[in-house]
Protein backbone atom coordinates (compact mmCIF):
# COMPACT_ATOMS: atom_id res chain seq x y z
CA UNK A 1 50.37 32.77 -18.99
CA UNK A 2 52.56 32.52 -21.62
CA UNK A 3 52.58 33.21 -25.21
CA UNK A 4 52.30 30.21 -27.24
CA UNK A 5 54.81 29.87 -30.34
CA UNK A 6 53.42 31.74 -33.93
CA UNK A 7 54.47 27.92 -35.78
CA UNK A 8 51.82 26.55 -33.12
CA UNK A 9 48.85 29.23 -33.22
CA UNK A 10 49.11 28.66 -36.85
CA UNK A 11 48.24 25.27 -36.83
CA UNK A 12 45.35 25.51 -33.89
CA UNK A 13 44.24 27.96 -36.98
CA UNK A 14 44.15 25.71 -39.58
CA UNK A 15 42.63 23.02 -36.63
CA UNK A 16 39.80 25.67 -36.10
CA UNK A 17 39.59 26.69 -39.40
CA UNK A 18 37.86 22.93 -40.76
CA UNK A 19 35.28 23.78 -38.45
CA UNK A 20 34.04 26.77 -40.86
CA UNK A 21 31.43 25.59 -43.50
CA UNK A 22 28.83 27.88 -45.32
CA UNK A 23 25.61 28.51 -44.01
CA UNK A 24 22.64 28.29 -47.32
CA UNK A 25 20.33 29.24 -44.46
CA UNK A 26 22.21 32.49 -44.46
CA UNK A 27 23.03 33.35 -47.10
CA UNK A 28 25.97 31.64 -47.45
CA UNK A 29 27.30 33.13 -44.41
CA UNK A 30 30.74 31.42 -42.79
CA UNK A 31 29.70 29.65 -39.75
CA UNK A 32 31.05 27.50 -37.35
CA UNK A 33 30.80 24.15 -36.27
CA UNK A 34 32.70 24.39 -33.58
CA UNK A 35 32.08 28.28 -31.52
CA UNK A 36 34.04 27.05 -28.42
CA UNK A 37 37.32 26.30 -30.24
CA UNK A 38 36.91 29.81 -32.43
CA UNK A 39 36.66 31.63 -28.84
CA UNK A 40 39.72 29.97 -27.10
CA UNK A 41 42.22 30.91 -31.04
CA UNK A 42 40.65 34.76 -30.62
CA UNK A 43 42.30 34.43 -26.98
CA UNK A 44 45.10 33.19 -27.66
CA UNK A 45 45.59 35.80 -30.69
CA UNK A 46 44.81 38.58 -29.29
CA UNK A 47 48.08 37.03 -27.01
CA UNK A 48 49.67 36.63 -29.64
CA UNK A 49 49.22 39.78 -30.72
CA UNK A 50 50.62 41.72 -28.40
CA UNK A 51 53.74 40.47 -28.26
CA UNK A 52 56.50 42.96 -29.57
CA UNK A 53 58.91 40.44 -31.16
CA UNK A 54 56.08 39.69 -33.83
CA UNK A 55 57.05 40.20 -37.41
CA UNK A 56 55.42 42.34 -39.51
CA UNK A 57 53.74 40.07 -41.71
CA UNK A 58 52.90 37.55 -38.60
CA UNK A 59 51.47 40.29 -37.59
CA UNK A 60 49.36 41.50 -40.79
CA UNK A 61 48.11 36.87 -40.72
CA UNK A 62 47.24 36.99 -36.71
CA UNK A 63 45.20 40.74 -37.28
CA UNK A 64 44.00 39.39 -40.70
CA UNK A 65 42.47 35.49 -39.00
CA UNK A 66 41.86 37.55 -36.08
CA UNK A 67 38.50 40.26 -37.56
CA UNK A 68 37.72 37.16 -39.67
CA UNK A 69 37.37 34.62 -36.61
CA UNK A 70 35.45 37.50 -34.52
CA UNK A 71 33.08 38.40 -37.57
CA UNK A 72 32.20 34.09 -36.73
CA UNK A 73 31.46 34.37 -34.02
CA UNK A 74 29.58 37.11 -34.20
CA UNK A 75 31.11 40.29 -33.79
CA UNK A 76 31.92 42.30 -36.42
CA UNK A 77 32.26 45.70 -34.91
CA UNK A 78 35.06 44.51 -32.35
CA UNK A 79 36.63 42.71 -35.98
CA UNK A 80 36.68 46.34 -37.07
CA UNK A 81 39.76 47.11 -36.35
CA UNK A 82 41.62 44.45 -36.59
CA UNK A 83 40.77 44.54 -40.47
CA UNK A 84 40.87 48.10 -40.90
CA UNK A 85 44.56 47.42 -39.77
CA UNK A 86 45.14 45.03 -42.31
CA UNK A 87 43.78 47.44 -44.16
CA UNK A 88 46.25 50.17 -43.68
CA UNK A 89 49.04 48.24 -43.74
CA UNK A 90 48.60 46.90 -47.47
CA UNK A 91 48.11 50.35 -48.51
CA UNK A 92 51.72 51.50 -46.76
CA UNK A 93 53.02 48.67 -48.68
CA UNK A 94 51.29 49.58 -51.68
CA UNK A 95 50.21 45.45 -51.66
CA UNK A 96 46.99 45.34 -53.75
CA UNK A 97 45.86 42.00 -53.41
CA UNK A 98 46.08 41.97 -50.28
CA UNK A 99 44.33 45.12 -50.02
CA UNK A 100 41.56 43.88 -52.33
CA UNK A 101 40.74 41.32 -49.21
CA UNK A 102 40.98 43.47 -46.32
CA UNK A 103 38.48 44.98 -48.79
CA UNK A 104 36.25 41.99 -49.19
CA UNK A 105 36.77 40.31 -45.30
CA UNK A 106 35.52 44.33 -44.23
CA UNK A 107 32.35 43.83 -46.74
CA UNK A 108 31.19 40.85 -45.32
CA UNK A 109 31.81 42.47 -41.62
């Protein structure tokens, strides 16, 4: 299988993000109106993260999206390694705002 370009993957991620909403009956938990699209993008992100040529910033972005989408898809345990990777990266790079985002995502999972 050919790996999708990072640019094209980001476009797909944005399209899937448009299917997300806050469910009032679930205490405003993020949900999706299209779990199939979320699952498809999860598979594509998994493939993209295997590319050794991916930039560290793209790797950070994709790990964060992957963790978030897995949580939304109902697999919070599977999300944790991706979210923890983001936290470790942010801590190592001393990027406080990225650390805060990673901690919030971990708390949501």
